[in-house]
Protein backbone atom coordinates (compact mmCIF):
# COMPACT_ATOMS: atom_id res chain seq x y z
CA MET A 1 -5.03 7.24 8.44
CA GLU A 2 -6.42 10.38 6.87
CA GLU A 3 -10.16 10.85 6.55
CA CYS A 4 -10.72 7.87 4.31
CA ALA A 5 -14.25 6.48 4.02
CA VAL A 6 -13.57 2.75 3.84
CA ARG A 7 -15.42 1.02 1.01
CA GLN A 8 -13.73 -2.38 0.74
CA ARG A 9 -11.18 -4.55 2.52
CA ARG A 10 -9.17 -7.45 1.19
CA ARG A 11 -6.45 -9.74 2.51
CA VAL A 12 -3.80 -10.79 -0.02
CA VAL A 13 -0.51 -12.65 0.05
CA GLY A 14 2.56 -10.48 -0.55
CA LEU A 15 5.63 -11.35 -2.58
CA ASP A 16 7.36 -12.53 0.61
CA GLY A 17 4.49 -14.89 1.41
CA GLY A 18 3.17 -12.73 4.27
CA GLU A 19 -0.40 -11.50 4.50
CA ILE A 20 -1.30 -7.90 3.68
CA ASP A 21 -4.58 -6.27 4.66
CA LEU A 22 -5.60 -3.81 1.95
CA ILE A 23 -8.11 -1.09 2.74
CA TYR A 24 -9.70 0.83 -0.14
CA GLY A 25 -11.58 4.05 0.45
CA LEU A 26 -12.82 7.38 -0.80
CA VAL A 27 -11.61 10.81 0.20
CA THR A 28 -13.61 13.97 -0.30
CA ARG A 29 -12.46 17.53 -0.53
CA GLU A 30 -14.44 20.71 -1.11
CA ILE A 31 -13.19 22.99 -3.87
CA ARG A 32 -14.30 26.56 -4.40
CA MET A 33 -14.71 27.64 -8.02
CA GLU A 34 -16.26 30.87 -9.19
CA GLY A 35 -18.01 31.40 -5.87
CA MET A 36 -19.40 27.87 -5.73
CA THR A 37 -18.34 25.03 -3.48
CA LEU A 38 -18.03 21.62 -5.15
CA GLU A 39 -17.15 18.23 -3.74
CA ASN A 40 -14.31 16.43 -5.46
CA TYR A 41 -13.52 12.77 -4.86
CA GLY A 42 -10.30 10.80 -4.63
CA ILE A 43 -9.09 7.37 -3.59
CA CYS A 44 -6.94 6.11 -0.72
CA ILE A 45 -5.36 2.71 -0.24
CA HIS A 46 -3.73 1.47 2.97
CA ALA A 47 -1.68 -1.71 3.22
CA ASP A 48 -1.06 -3.22 6.66
CA THR A 49 1.47 -6.05 6.94
CA GLY A 50 1.31 -6.20 10.72
CA GLU A 51 4.81 -4.75 10.87
CA ARG A 52 4.23 -1.57 8.90
CA ILE A 53 1.49 0.41 7.19
CA GLU A 54 1.87 2.00 3.77
CA SER A 55 -0.64 4.49 2.43
CA SER A 56 -1.26 6.39 -0.75
CA THR A 57 -3.95 8.91 -1.69
CA VAL A 58 -4.86 10.47 -5.00
CA TRP A 59 -6.97 13.57 -4.44
CA ASP A 60 -9.33 15.32 -6.84
CA ILE A 61 -9.87 12.56 -9.39
CA SER A 62 -13.39 13.70 -10.31
CA PRO A 63 -16.42 15.58 -8.98
CA ASP A 64 -18.51 12.61 -10.17
CA LEU A 65 -18.86 10.14 -7.28
CA LYS A 66 -20.04 7.30 -9.55
CA THR A 67 -16.92 7.58 -11.73
CA VAL A 68 -14.61 7.41 -8.72
CA GLU A 69 -16.54 4.51 -7.18
CA GLU A 70 -16.22 2.57 -10.48
CA LEU A 71 -12.47 3.20 -10.49
CA LEU A 72 -12.26 2.14 -6.85
CA ALA A 73 -14.06 -1.14 -7.65
CA LEU A 74 -11.58 -1.77 -10.47
CA LEU A 75 -8.60 -1.12 -8.17
CA TYR A 76 -10.09 -3.53 -5.63
CA ARG A 77 -10.54 -6.28 -8.25
CA MET A 78 -6.96 -5.77 -9.46
CA GLU A 79 -5.61 -5.86 -5.86
CA VAL A 80 -3.78 -2.57 -6.39
CA THR A 81 -1.43 -1.58 -3.57
CA PRO A 82 -0.44 1.90 -2.38
CA VAL A 83 2.86 1.66 -4.28
CA THR A 84 1.19 1.61 -7.70
CA LEU A 85 -1.97 3.66 -7.00
CA GLN A 86 -0.72 6.98 -8.48
CA ASP A 87 0.50 5.44 -11.73
CA ILE A 88 -2.65 3.40 -12.30
CA VAL A 89 -4.96 6.34 -11.62
CA CYS A 90 -2.93 8.55 -14.00
CA ASP A 91 -3.14 5.88 -16.72
CA TYR A 92 -6.89 5.51 -16.14
CA ILE A 93 -7.50 9.26 -16.39
CA GLU A 94 -5.41 9.60 -19.57
CA LYS A 95 -7.63 7.10 -21.44
């Protein structure tokens, strides 16, 4: 796992009937702009089936932590998996 600050965990049932442990977290990266250093936040999701682990990270969603935490809570409620994370975040940002 990359440096992912775990915020929530959930166990769901996959399409094959097996259990999947989903881990939702925040990632932070410092960005330098015009001589200033800013923190920018992203989201990571890990799915562990017991046989394999899938992960996806979307970096640099926003410098506003509250905005990214609200999006993370929405992803958790919707039980988003790593496979669809990129598309859903892109759709959310385009609104």
